[in-house]
């Protein structure tokens, strides 16, 4: 079996790196947009008028699910390559840890807020909506901070 040429390897690294960076930018700015328009409030307000579907009209999951695999695979491939090629190991660990934190926060928010707003059929009280919105906005702020750190560390992790 033939080893890939240096050109092919460099091209592959560039593709993975671009997928990681574009995916993280999509993730970051998508969540900034959701915060600006108060997406959880929009979902809560639309709840009586929409079918309780996880991937139905207006669901943010429809916009993120297609981007998750290339973002996470690109980030992992880039960080593994940076580690192996002698990149800044502290930056690699920081980028990996920050990405994991952002993923964990996203899973938490989807499970505690999005699923409640997207799948529930019963009306929510004003207090329940307030708690859901508070949970989402606090979690989203932490997620955005983790993504900023991950994007910064990913840029620093490459071998100089």
N, C-alpha and C. Protein backbone atom coordinates (compact mmCIF):
# COMPACT_ATOMS: atom_id res chain seq x y z
N UNK A 1 0.84 -1.18 0.00
CA UNK A 1 0.00 0.00 0.00
C UNK A 1 0.89 1.25 0.00
N UNK A 2 0.51 2.22 -0.76
CA UNK A 2 1.30 3.43 -0.92
C UNK A 2 0.92 4.47 0.13
N UNK A 3 1.92 5.12 0.71
CA UNK A 3 1.66 6.22 1.65
C UNK A 3 1.22 7.45 0.87
N UNK A 4 0.33 8.22 1.45
CA UNK A 4 -0.08 9.45 0.74
C UNK A 4 1.11 10.41 0.64
N UNK A 5 1.13 11.13 -0.43
CA UNK A 5 2.20 12.10 -0.61
C UNK A 5 2.04 13.24 0.38
N UNK A 6 3.09 14.02 0.52
CA UNK A 6 3.04 15.17 1.43
C UNK A 6 1.97 16.16 1.02
N UNK A 7 1.82 16.31 -0.31
CA UNK A 7 0.79 17.22 -0.82
C UNK A 7 -0.60 16.77 -0.41
N UNK A 8 -0.86 15.47 -0.57
CA UNK A 8 -2.17 14.92 -0.20
C UNK A 8 -2.40 15.06 1.30
N UNK A 9 -1.38 14.81 2.09
CA UNK A 9 -1.50 14.93 3.55
C UNK A 9 -1.78 16.38 3.95
N UNK A 10 -1.07 17.30 3.32
CA UNK A 10 -1.28 18.72 3.62
C UNK A 10 -2.69 19.15 3.21
N UNK A 11 -3.16 18.66 2.06
CA UNK A 11 -4.51 18.99 1.60
C UNK A 11 -5.56 18.44 2.58
N UNK A 12 -5.33 17.23 3.05
CA UNK A 12 -6.25 16.61 4.00
C UNK A 12 -6.30 17.42 5.30
N UNK A 13 -5.12 17.84 5.78
CA UNK A 13 -5.06 18.66 7.00
C UNK A 13 -5.81 19.97 6.80
N UNK A 14 -5.64 20.57 5.63
CA UNK A 14 -6.31 21.83 5.34
C UNK A 14 -7.83 21.66 5.32
N UNK A 15 -8.31 20.58 4.73
CA UNK A 15 -9.75 20.32 4.68
C UNK A 15 -10.31 20.12 6.08
N UNK A 16 -9.63 19.28 6.89
CA UNK A 16 -10.11 19.05 8.25
C UNK A 16 -10.07 20.33 9.08
N UNK A 17 -9.02 21.09 8.94
CA UNK A 17 -8.89 22.34 9.68
C UNK A 17 -9.99 23.33 9.28
N UNK A 18 -10.27 23.41 7.98
CA UNK A 18 -11.33 24.31 7.50
C UNK A 18 -12.68 23.85 8.03
N UNK A 19 -12.93 22.54 8.03
CA UNK A 19 -14.21 22.02 8.56
C UNK A 19 -14.34 22.36 10.03
N UNK A 20 -13.26 22.23 10.78
CA UNK A 20 -13.30 22.54 12.21
C UNK A 20 -13.58 24.02 12.44
N UNK A 21 -12.87 24.87 11.76
CA UNK A 21 -13.02 26.31 11.97
C UNK A 21 -14.38 26.83 11.50
N UNK A 22 -14.80 26.39 10.32
CA UNK A 22 -16.12 26.81 9.83
C UNK A 22 -17.24 26.29 10.72
N UNK A 23 -17.11 25.06 11.15
CA UNK A 23 -18.13 24.49 12.02
C UNK A 23 -18.22 25.22 13.35
N UNK A 24 -17.07 25.53 13.93
CA UNK A 24 -17.09 26.25 15.19
C UNK A 24 -17.63 27.67 15.02
N UNK A 25 -17.31 28.31 13.91
CA UNK A 25 -17.88 29.63 13.64
C UNK A 25 -19.39 29.55 13.48
N UNK A 26 -19.88 28.56 12.77
CA UNK A 26 -21.32 28.34 12.60
C UNK A 26 -21.98 28.15 13.96
N UNK A 27 -21.37 27.33 14.78
CA UNK A 27 -21.89 27.02 16.12
C UNK A 27 -21.93 28.29 16.97
N UNK A 28 -20.84 29.05 16.95
CA UNK A 28 -20.76 30.28 17.75
C UNK A 28 -21.79 31.31 17.29
N UNK A 29 -21.74 31.67 16.00
CA UNK A 29 -22.63 32.73 15.53
C UNK A 29 -24.09 32.29 15.51
N UNK A 30 -24.34 31.00 15.31
CA UNK A 30 -25.71 30.50 15.42
C UNK A 30 -26.27 30.71 16.82
N UNK A 31 -25.45 30.47 17.82
CA UNK A 31 -25.91 30.66 19.20
C UNK A 31 -25.97 32.12 19.60
N UNK A 32 -25.11 32.95 19.02
CA UNK A 32 -25.23 34.40 19.25
C UNK A 32 -26.56 34.88 18.67
N UNK A 33 -26.87 34.45 17.45
CA UNK A 33 -28.14 34.82 16.82
C UNK A 33 -29.32 34.35 17.67
N UNK A 34 -29.28 33.10 18.12
CA UNK A 34 -30.38 32.59 18.95
C UNK A 34 -30.56 33.41 20.22
N UNK A 35 -29.46 33.85 20.81
CA UNK A 35 -29.55 34.69 22.01
C UNK A 35 -30.15 36.06 21.67
N UNK A 36 -29.73 36.62 20.54
CA UNK A 36 -30.22 37.95 20.15
C UNK A 36 -31.73 37.96 19.88
N UNK A 37 -32.22 36.91 19.24
CA UNK A 37 -33.65 36.87 18.93
C UNK A 37 -34.45 36.17 20.01
N UNK A 38 -33.77 35.70 21.07
CA UNK A 38 -34.39 34.99 22.19
C UNK A 38 -35.17 33.78 21.68
N UNK A 39 -34.44 32.89 21.01
CA UNK A 39 -35.04 31.71 20.40
C UNK A 39 -35.88 30.88 21.38
N UNK A 40 -35.44 30.66 22.62
CA UNK A 40 -36.29 29.88 23.52
C UNK A 40 -37.65 30.55 23.77
N UNK A 41 -37.67 31.87 23.86
CA UNK A 41 -38.95 32.56 24.05
C UNK A 41 -39.83 32.38 22.81
N UNK A 42 -39.23 32.47 21.63
CA UNK A 42 -40.00 32.26 20.40
C UNK A 42 -40.60 30.85 20.38
N UNK A 43 -39.81 29.86 20.79
CA UNK A 43 -40.32 28.49 20.84
C UNK A 43 -41.44 28.36 21.88
N UNK A 44 -41.26 29.00 23.03
CA UNK A 44 -42.28 28.95 24.08
C UNK A 44 -43.56 29.63 23.61
N UNK A 45 -43.43 30.78 22.95
CA UNK A 45 -44.61 31.50 22.47
C UNK A 45 -45.33 30.75 21.35
N UNK A 46 -44.57 30.04 20.53
CA UNK A 46 -45.17 29.31 19.40
C UNK A 46 -45.70 27.94 19.80
N UNK A 47 -45.40 27.51 21.01
CA UNK A 47 -45.73 26.16 21.45
C UNK A 47 -47.20 25.78 21.26
N UNK A 48 -48.15 26.65 21.61
CA UNK A 48 -49.56 26.25 21.43
C UNK A 48 -49.97 26.12 19.96
N UNK A 49 -49.21 26.74 19.06
CA UNK A 49 -49.59 26.76 17.64
C UNK A 49 -48.77 25.82 16.77
N UNK A 50 -47.88 25.04 17.35
CA UNK A 50 -47.06 24.16 16.53
C UNK A 50 -47.18 22.73 17.01
N UNK A 51 -46.98 21.82 16.09
CA UNK A 51 -47.01 20.40 16.44
C UNK A 51 -45.79 20.08 17.31
N UNK A 52 -45.96 19.22 18.31
CA UNK A 52 -44.83 18.88 19.18
C UNK A 52 -43.85 17.93 18.49
N UNK A 53 -43.01 18.48 17.62
CA UNK A 53 -42.04 17.69 16.87
C UNK A 53 -40.64 18.20 17.15
N UNK A 54 -39.74 17.27 17.37
CA UNK A 54 -38.37 17.61 17.68
C UNK A 54 -37.67 18.31 16.50
N UNK A 55 -37.96 17.87 15.30
CA UNK A 55 -37.34 18.47 14.12
C UNK A 55 -38.36 19.21 13.26
N UNK A 56 -39.44 19.66 13.86
CA UNK A 56 -40.47 20.37 13.13
C UNK A 56 -40.06 21.78 12.77
N UNK A 57 -40.97 22.48 12.16
CA UNK A 57 -40.74 23.84 11.73
C UNK A 57 -40.29 24.72 12.90
N UNK A 58 -39.24 25.49 12.69
CA UNK A 58 -38.73 26.40 13.71
C UNK A 58 -37.75 25.78 14.68
N UNK A 59 -37.55 24.48 14.61
CA UNK A 59 -36.63 23.81 15.54
C UNK A 59 -35.19 24.17 15.20
N UNK A 60 -34.42 24.65 16.19
CA UNK A 60 -33.01 24.95 15.94
C UNK A 60 -32.19 23.70 15.62
N UNK A 61 -32.68 22.55 16.03
CA UNK A 61 -31.94 21.32 15.75
C UNK A 61 -31.78 21.08 14.25
N UNK A 62 -32.74 21.55 13.48
CA UNK A 62 -32.67 21.37 12.02
C UNK A 62 -31.46 22.06 11.41
N UNK A 63 -30.99 23.12 12.04
CA UNK A 63 -29.88 23.89 11.50
C UNK A 63 -28.53 23.43 12.03
N UNK A 64 -28.53 22.72 13.15
CA UNK A 64 -27.27 22.31 13.76
C UNK A 64 -26.91 20.86 13.46
N UNK A 65 -27.88 19.97 13.41
CA UNK A 65 -27.57 18.56 13.22
C UNK A 65 -26.71 18.25 11.99
N UNK A 66 -26.96 18.87 10.84
CA UNK A 66 -26.11 18.55 9.68
C UNK A 66 -24.65 18.99 9.84
N UNK A 67 -24.41 19.96 10.72
CA UNK A 67 -23.07 20.52 10.85
C UNK A 67 -22.26 19.84 11.97
N UNK A 68 -22.94 19.12 12.84
CA UNK A 68 -22.26 18.50 13.99
C UNK A 68 -21.16 17.52 13.55
N UNK A 69 -21.44 16.54 12.70
CA UNK A 69 -20.38 15.58 12.36
C UNK A 69 -19.12 16.21 11.75
N UNK A 70 -19.25 17.07 10.73
CA UNK A 70 -18.00 17.63 10.19
C UNK A 70 -17.28 18.55 11.18
N UNK A 71 -18.02 19.24 12.03
CA UNK A 71 -17.39 20.12 13.02
C UNK A 71 -16.58 19.32 14.02
N UNK A 72 -17.21 18.32 14.61
CA UNK A 72 -16.51 17.54 15.63
C UNK A 72 -15.41 16.67 15.03
N UNK A 73 -15.67 16.08 13.87
CA UNK A 73 -14.64 15.27 13.21
C UNK A 73 -13.46 16.14 12.78
N UNK A 74 -13.77 17.31 12.22
CA UNK A 74 -12.71 18.23 11.80
C UNK A 74 -11.88 18.72 12.96
N UNK A 75 -12.55 19.04 14.06
CA UNK A 75 -11.83 19.50 15.25
C UNK A 75 -10.94 18.39 15.79
N UNK A 76 -11.49 17.18 15.90
CA UNK A 76 -10.70 16.06 16.42
C UNK A 76 -9.51 15.77 15.50
N UNK A 77 -9.74 15.70 14.20
CA UNK A 77 -8.66 15.40 13.25
C UNK A 77 -7.58 16.48 13.29
N UNK A 78 -7.99 17.73 13.37
CA UNK A 78 -7.02 18.83 13.41
C UNK A 78 -6.20 18.78 14.68
N UNK A 79 -6.85 18.55 15.81
CA UNK A 79 -6.13 18.51 17.09
C UNK A 79 -5.20 17.30 17.17
N UNK A 80 -5.63 16.16 16.64
CA UNK A 80 -4.75 14.98 16.62
C UNK A 80 -3.53 15.25 15.76
N UNK A 81 -3.76 15.84 14.59
CA UNK A 81 -2.64 16.17 13.70
C UNK A 81 -1.70 17.18 14.35
N UNK A 82 -2.27 18.19 15.01
CA UNK A 82 -1.43 19.20 15.67
C UNK A 82 -0.60 18.57 16.79
N UNK A 83 -1.18 17.66 17.52
CA UNK A 83 -0.47 16.97 18.60
C UNK A 83 0.69 16.16 18.03
N UNK A 84 0.40 15.40 16.97
CA UNK A 84 1.41 14.52 16.37
C UNK A 84 2.52 15.29 15.66
N UNK A 85 2.19 16.46 15.13
CA UNK A 85 3.19 17.22 14.36
C UNK A 85 3.98 18.20 15.23
N UNK A 86 3.79 18.13 16.53
CA UNK A 86 4.57 18.98 17.42
C UNK A 86 3.98 20.34 17.67
N UNK A 87 2.67 20.45 17.52
CA UNK A 87 2.00 21.71 17.81
C UNK A 87 2.02 22.02 19.30
N UNK A 88 1.49 23.13 19.66
CA UNK A 88 1.42 23.57 21.06
C UNK A 88 0.48 22.65 21.82
N UNK A 89 1.03 21.78 22.63
CA UNK A 89 0.23 20.76 23.31
C UNK A 89 -0.74 21.36 24.34
N UNK A 90 -0.35 22.43 24.98
CA UNK A 90 -1.28 23.08 25.91
C UNK A 90 -2.48 23.63 25.15
N UNK A 91 -2.24 24.17 23.98
CA UNK A 91 -3.35 24.69 23.16
C UNK A 91 -4.22 23.55 22.65
N UNK A 92 -3.62 22.42 22.30
CA UNK A 92 -4.39 21.26 21.85
C UNK A 92 -5.31 20.79 22.97
N UNK A 93 -4.77 20.65 24.16
CA UNK A 93 -5.57 20.20 25.31
C UNK A 93 -6.66 21.22 25.63
N UNK A 94 -6.31 22.50 25.58
CA UNK A 94 -7.30 23.55 25.85
C UNK A 94 -8.42 23.53 24.81
N UNK A 95 -8.06 23.40 23.55
CA UNK A 95 -9.08 23.35 22.49
C UNK A 95 -9.97 22.13 22.65
N UNK A 96 -9.37 20.99 22.94
CA UNK A 96 -10.16 19.77 23.12
C UNK A 96 -11.08 19.89 24.32
N UNK A 97 -10.55 20.35 25.44
CA UNK A 97 -11.37 20.47 26.65
C UNK A 97 -12.49 21.49 26.47
N UNK A 98 -12.20 22.60 25.84
CA UNK A 98 -13.23 23.63 25.63
C UNK A 98 -14.31 23.15 24.68
N UNK A 99 -13.92 22.39 23.67
CA UNK A 99 -14.91 21.83 22.75
C UNK A 99 -15.80 20.84 23.48
N UNK A 100 -15.21 20.00 24.33
CA UNK A 100 -16.00 19.04 25.12
C UNK A 100 -16.97 19.78 26.04
N UNK A 101 -16.50 20.85 26.67
CA UNK A 101 -17.39 21.64 27.54
C UNK A 101 -18.56 22.21 26.74
N UNK A 102 -18.28 22.73 25.56
CA UNK A 102 -19.35 23.29 24.70
C UNK A 102 -20.34 22.20 24.30
N UNK A 103 -19.85 21.01 23.99
CA UNK A 103 -20.73 19.89 23.63
C UNK A 103 -21.59 19.49 24.82
N UNK A 104 -20.97 19.37 25.99
CA UNK A 104 -21.72 18.99 27.20
C UNK A 104 -22.79 20.03 27.52
N UNK A 105 -22.45 21.30 27.43
CA UNK A 105 -23.44 22.36 27.66
C UNK A 105 -24.57 22.29 26.64
N UNK A 106 -24.23 22.02 25.39
CA UNK A 106 -25.25 21.91 24.35
C UNK A 106 -26.19 20.75 24.64
N UNK A 107 -25.64 19.60 25.00
CA UNK A 107 -26.47 18.43 25.33
C UNK A 107 -27.38 18.76 26.52
N UNK A 108 -26.82 19.41 27.52
CA UNK A 108 -27.62 19.79 28.69
C UNK A 108 -28.77 20.72 28.30
N UNK A 109 -28.48 21.72 27.49
CA UNK A 109 -29.53 22.67 27.10
C UNK A 109 -30.59 22.01 26.22
N UNK A 110 -30.16 21.14 25.33
CA UNK A 110 -31.14 20.44 24.48
C UNK A 110 -32.05 19.58 25.35
N UNK A 111 -31.46 18.85 26.31
CA UNK A 111 -32.26 17.95 27.15
C UNK A 111 -33.18 18.71 28.10
N UNK A 112 -32.69 19.79 28.69
CA UNK A 112 -33.48 20.47 29.73
C UNK A 112 -34.40 21.56 29.19
N UNK A 113 -34.03 22.18 28.08
CA UNK A 113 -34.83 23.30 27.57
C UNK A 113 -35.49 22.95 26.23
N UNK A 114 -34.69 22.64 25.24
CA UNK A 114 -35.23 22.44 23.89
C UNK A 114 -36.26 21.32 23.83
N UNK A 115 -35.96 20.18 24.45
CA UNK A 115 -36.92 19.08 24.40
C UNK A 115 -38.24 19.45 25.06
N UNK A 116 -38.16 20.18 26.16
CA UNK A 116 -39.38 20.63 26.84
C UNK A 116 -40.20 21.54 25.94
N UNK A 117 -39.52 22.46 25.26
CA UNK A 117 -40.22 23.42 24.41
C UNK A 117 -40.70 22.82 23.10
N UNK A 118 -39.98 21.84 22.58
CA UNK A 118 -40.30 21.30 21.26
C UNK A 118 -41.25 20.11 21.29
N UNK A 119 -41.21 19.30 22.37
CA UNK A 119 -42.00 18.08 22.38
C UNK A 119 -43.22 18.12 23.28
N UNK A 120 -43.25 19.03 24.22
CA UNK A 120 -44.36 19.05 25.16
C UNK A 120 -45.66 19.50 24.52
N UNK A 121 -46.75 18.97 25.08
CA UNK A 121 -48.07 19.33 24.56
C UNK A 121 -48.83 20.23 25.54
N UNK A 122 -48.56 20.07 26.82
CA UNK A 122 -49.27 20.85 27.82
C UNK A 122 -48.73 22.28 27.87
N UNK A 123 -49.61 23.23 28.18
CA UNK A 123 -49.13 24.62 28.30
C UNK A 123 -48.19 24.77 29.49
N UNK A 124 -47.25 25.67 29.36
CA UNK A 124 -46.31 25.95 30.44
C UNK A 124 -46.76 27.19 31.19
N UNK A 125 -46.54 27.19 32.50
CA UNK A 125 -46.85 28.38 33.29
C UNK A 125 -45.79 29.45 33.01
N UNK A 126 -46.10 30.67 33.37
CA UNK A 126 -45.15 31.77 33.17
C UNK A 126 -43.87 31.51 33.95
N UNK A 127 -43.99 30.92 35.13
CA UNK A 127 -42.82 30.61 35.95
C UNK A 127 -41.95 29.53 35.30
N UNK A 128 -42.58 28.51 34.72
CA UNK A 128 -41.82 27.46 34.01
C UNK A 128 -41.08 28.04 32.82
N UNK A 129 -41.74 28.91 32.08
CA UNK A 129 -41.10 29.55 30.92
C UNK A 129 -39.93 30.40 31.39
N UNK A 130 -40.13 31.16 32.46
CA UNK A 130 -39.06 32.02 32.99
C UNK A 130 -37.85 31.18 33.38
N UNK A 131 -38.06 30.06 34.05
CA UNK A 131 -36.95 29.19 34.46
C UNK A 131 -36.24 28.58 33.26
N UNK A 132 -37.02 28.15 32.26
CA UNK A 132 -36.41 27.59 31.05
C UNK A 132 -35.56 28.64 30.33
N UNK A 133 -36.09 29.85 30.22
CA UNK A 133 -35.34 30.92 29.54
C UNK A 133 -34.07 31.26 30.31
N UNK A 134 -34.17 31.34 31.61
CA UNK A 134 -33.01 31.64 32.44
C UNK A 134 -31.95 30.54 32.30
N UNK A 135 -32.38 29.30 32.34
CA UNK A 135 -31.45 28.17 32.17
C UNK A 135 -30.77 28.26 30.81
N UNK A 136 -31.55 28.50 29.77
CA UNK A 136 -30.97 28.54 28.43
C UNK A 136 -29.98 29.69 28.28
N UNK A 137 -30.35 30.88 28.70
CA UNK A 137 -29.46 32.03 28.49
C UNK A 137 -28.17 31.90 29.30
N UNK A 138 -28.26 31.40 30.52
CA UNK A 138 -27.03 31.20 31.30
C UNK A 138 -26.15 30.13 30.67
N UNK A 139 -26.76 29.01 30.30
CA UNK A 139 -26.01 27.93 29.67
C UNK A 139 -25.41 28.36 28.34
N UNK A 140 -26.18 29.13 27.56
CA UNK A 140 -25.69 29.59 26.27
C UNK A 140 -24.51 30.54 26.43
N UNK A 141 -24.54 31.40 27.44
CA UNK A 141 -23.43 32.31 27.69
C UNK A 141 -22.17 31.51 28.02
N UNK A 142 -22.30 30.48 28.85
CA UNK A 142 -21.15 29.63 29.18
C UNK A 142 -20.67 28.89 27.93
N UNK A 143 -21.61 28.41 27.11
CA UNK A 143 -21.25 27.71 25.88
C UNK A 143 -20.50 28.64 24.93
N UNK A 144 -20.95 29.87 24.78
CA UNK A 144 -20.27 30.83 23.92
C UNK A 144 -18.85 31.10 24.41
N UNK A 145 -18.68 31.21 25.72
CA UNK A 145 -17.34 31.41 26.29
C UNK A 145 -16.45 30.20 25.98
N UNK A 146 -16.99 29.00 26.14
CA UNK A 146 -16.21 27.79 25.83
C UNK A 146 -15.83 27.75 24.36
N UNK A 147 -16.74 28.16 23.49
CA UNK A 147 -16.44 28.17 22.05
C UNK A 147 -15.37 29.20 21.70
N UNK A 148 -15.40 30.35 22.33
CA UNK A 148 -14.36 31.36 22.08
C UNK A 148 -12.99 30.79 22.46
N UNK A 149 -12.92 30.16 23.63
CA UNK A 149 -11.66 29.56 24.07
C UNK A 149 -11.24 28.46 23.10
N UNK A 150 -12.19 27.62 22.68
CA UNK A 150 -11.87 26.52 21.76
C UNK A 150 -11.35 27.05 20.43
N UNK A 151 -12.01 28.08 19.89
CA UNK A 151 -11.56 28.64 18.60
C UNK A 151 -10.18 29.28 18.73
N UNK A 152 -9.96 29.99 19.82
CA UNK A 152 -8.65 30.62 20.05
C UNK A 152 -7.56 29.56 20.17
N UNK A 153 -7.82 28.54 20.98
CA UNK A 153 -6.82 27.49 21.20
C UNK A 153 -6.57 26.67 19.93
N UNK A 154 -7.62 26.45 19.14
CA UNK A 154 -7.45 25.71 17.90
C UNK A 154 -6.49 26.45 16.96
N UNK A 155 -6.60 27.76 16.92
CA UNK A 155 -5.69 28.55 16.06
C UNK A 155 -4.25 28.48 16.57
N UNK A 156 -4.08 28.42 17.87
CA UNK A 156 -2.74 28.39 18.46
C UNK A 156 -2.10 27.01 18.46
N UNK A 157 -2.92 25.98 18.27
CA UNK A 157 -2.42 24.61 18.44
C UNK A 157 -1.52 24.13 17.29
N UNK A 158 -1.64 24.72 16.14
CA UNK A 158 -0.86 24.26 14.97
C UNK A 158 0.62 24.47 15.20
N UNK A 159 1.40 23.56 14.66
CA UNK A 159 2.87 23.70 14.75
C UNK A 159 3.31 24.94 14.00
N UNK A 160 4.21 25.65 14.56
CA UNK A 160 4.70 26.89 13.94
C UNK A 160 5.75 26.59 12.90
